[in-house]
C-alpha cells in the first residue's frame, strides 16, 4: 500500500498538481489573514445579483473556505490514488479538477474580501 502511494507521489504530474494545490490553499489562507481580521464582527458571506447580500455571519466563518479546499484536496487525492491503480488518465482528471476547485475557492475568497472591503 505504501509502495503504491510512493509511486503515485513520484509521478511528476501528481507531484506538480499537489504542489499547486498546496500553493493555492496557502494563498487562500494568506489572503484571508492579510485582509480580514478574525473576530465576531458581522460580514457579508454571500452575494447574488438578484437578491444582493443574502447571508451574513461572523468573520471566522470565512476561514471555512481554505478548510474546504484542504478537505477537497485530501479527498480527491485519495480518490485519484485509488483510481490510479486501474486508470491513470482518470486520476489526472481528478487532480486537475482539484486544482480548478482550489482556484475557484481562491477567487471566492478574493471576491468576499472585496465585498466586505
Protein backbone atom coordinates (compact mmCIF):
# COMPACT_ATOMS: atom_id res chain seq x y z
CA UNK A 1 0.00 0.00 0.00
CA UNK A 2 2.74 2.48 0.90
CA UNK A 3 4.72 1.43 -2.14
CA UNK A 4 1.86 2.32 -4.49
CA UNK A 5 1.41 5.66 -2.69
CA UNK A 6 5.12 6.37 -3.13
CA UNK A 7 4.88 5.64 -6.87
CA UNK A 8 1.77 7.82 -7.10
CA UNK A 9 3.59 10.73 -5.49
CA UNK A 10 6.75 10.19 -7.59
CA UNK A 11 4.74 10.81 -10.74
CA UNK A 12 5.70 14.35 -11.87
CA UNK A 13 2.13 15.29 -12.81
CA UNK A 14 0.74 14.28 -9.44
CA UNK A 15 3.59 15.95 -7.58
CA UNK A 16 3.19 19.18 -9.59
CA UNK A 17 -0.57 19.35 -9.04
CA UNK A 18 -0.09 18.58 -5.35
CA UNK A 19 2.31 21.50 -5.03
CA UNK A 20 -0.07 23.76 -6.96
CA UNK A 21 -2.93 22.75 -4.64
CA UNK A 22 -0.79 23.48 -1.59
CA UNK A 23 0.18 26.88 -3.01
CA UNK A 24 -3.46 27.76 -3.77
CA UNK A 25 -4.58 26.78 -0.27
CA UNK A 26 -1.72 28.81 1.17
CA UNK A 27 -2.81 31.77 -0.97
CA UNK A 28 -6.38 31.43 0.30
CA UNK A 29 -5.19 31.46 3.90
CA UNK A 30 -2.77 34.34 3.27
CA UNK A 31 -5.41 36.49 1.58
CA UNK A 32 -7.91 35.94 4.37
CA UNK A 33 -5.40 36.53 7.17
CA UNK A 34 -3.95 39.59 5.46
CA UNK A 35 -7.24 41.32 4.64
CA UNK A 36 -9.77 40.06 7.21
CA UNK A 37 -9.47 40.43 10.93
CA UNK A 38 -10.72 37.35 12.76
CA UNK A 39 -13.43 38.08 15.25
CA UNK A 40 -17.13 38.13 15.81
CA UNK A 41 -17.82 41.13 13.58
CA UNK A 42 -20.64 40.61 11.11
CA UNK A 43 -19.53 40.31 7.49
CA UNK A 44 -21.26 39.56 4.22
CA UNK A 45 -20.71 35.92 3.27
CA UNK A 46 -22.76 35.53 0.09
CA UNK A 47 -23.92 37.90 -2.63
CA UNK A 48 -26.14 37.32 -5.65
CA UNK A 49 -27.04 39.76 -8.40
CA UNK A 50 -30.76 39.07 -7.94
CA UNK A 51 -31.06 39.32 -4.17
CA UNK A 52 -27.93 41.20 -3.13
CA UNK A 53 -26.45 40.08 0.17
CA UNK A 54 -28.35 37.06 1.41
CA UNK A 55 -26.03 35.52 4.00
CA UNK A 56 -24.42 37.43 6.85
CA UNK A 57 -22.33 35.89 9.62
CA UNK A 58 -19.22 36.09 11.74
CA UNK A 59 -15.85 36.75 10.14
CA UNK A 60 -14.40 33.45 11.31
CA UNK A 61 -16.79 31.58 9.00
CA UNK A 62 -14.75 32.87 6.05
CA UNK A 63 -11.90 30.62 7.18
CA UNK A 64 -14.05 27.68 6.13
CA UNK A 65 -13.05 28.42 2.52
CA UNK A 66 -9.46 27.15 2.88
CA UNK A 67 -10.69 24.37 5.14
CA UNK A 68 -12.98 23.23 2.33
CA UNK A 69 -10.02 23.39 -0.07
CA UNK A 70 -7.93 21.21 2.25
CA UNK A 71 -10.76 18.71 2.65
CA UNK A 72 -11.39 18.60 -1.11
CA UNK A 73 -7.68 18.16 -1.86
CA UNK A 74 -7.25 15.31 0.61
CA UNK A 75 -10.41 13.54 -0.53
CA UNK A 76 -9.69 13.90 -4.24
CA UNK A 77 -6.03 12.92 -3.87
CA UNK A 78 -7.05 9.77 -2.04
CA UNK A 79 -9.59 9.03 -4.76
CA UNK A 80 -7.05 9.68 -7.51
CA UNK A 81 -4.55 7.39 -5.79
CA UNK A 82 -7.16 4.66 -5.57
CA UNK A 83 -8.18 5.07 -9.22
CA UNK A 84 -4.57 5.33 -10.46
CA UNK A 85 -4.13 1.61 -9.88
CA UNK A 86 -6.60 0.97 -12.72
CA UNK A 87 -6.53 4.03 -14.97
CA UNK A 88 -4.06 6.90 -14.71
CA UNK A 89 -6.00 9.18 -17.07
CA UNK A 90 -8.93 9.49 -14.67
CA UNK A 91 -6.52 10.09 -11.81
CA UNK A 92 -5.09 13.00 -13.79
CA UNK A 93 -8.60 14.33 -14.38
CA UNK A 94 -9.35 14.23 -10.66
CA UNK A 95 -6.15 16.04 -9.73
CA UNK A 96 -6.76 18.64 -12.45
CA UNK A 97 -10.29 19.13 -11.16
CA UNK A 98 -8.95 19.64 -7.66
CA UNK A 99 -6.70 22.43 -8.91
CA UNK A 100 -9.66 24.08 -10.62
CA UNK A 101 -11.74 23.82 -7.44
CA UNK A 102 -8.98 25.46 -5.42
CA UNK A 103 -8.67 28.25 -8.00
CA UNK A 104 -12.41 28.89 -7.69
CA UNK A 105 -12.14 28.90 -3.89
CA UNK A 106 -9.33 31.47 -4.11
CA UNK A 107 -11.46 33.65 -6.39
CA UNK A 108 -14.36 33.25 -3.96
CA UNK A 109 -12.20 34.38 -1.04
CA UNK A 110 -10.95 37.41 -3.00
CA UNK A 111 -14.47 38.40 -4.02
CA UNK A 112 -15.73 38.12 -0.45
CA UNK A 113 -12.93 40.38 0.72
CA UNK A 114 -13.82 42.92 -1.98
CA UNK A 115 -17.47 42.70 -0.95
CA UNK A 116 -16.64 43.43 2.66
CA UNK A 117 -13.88 45.96 1.96
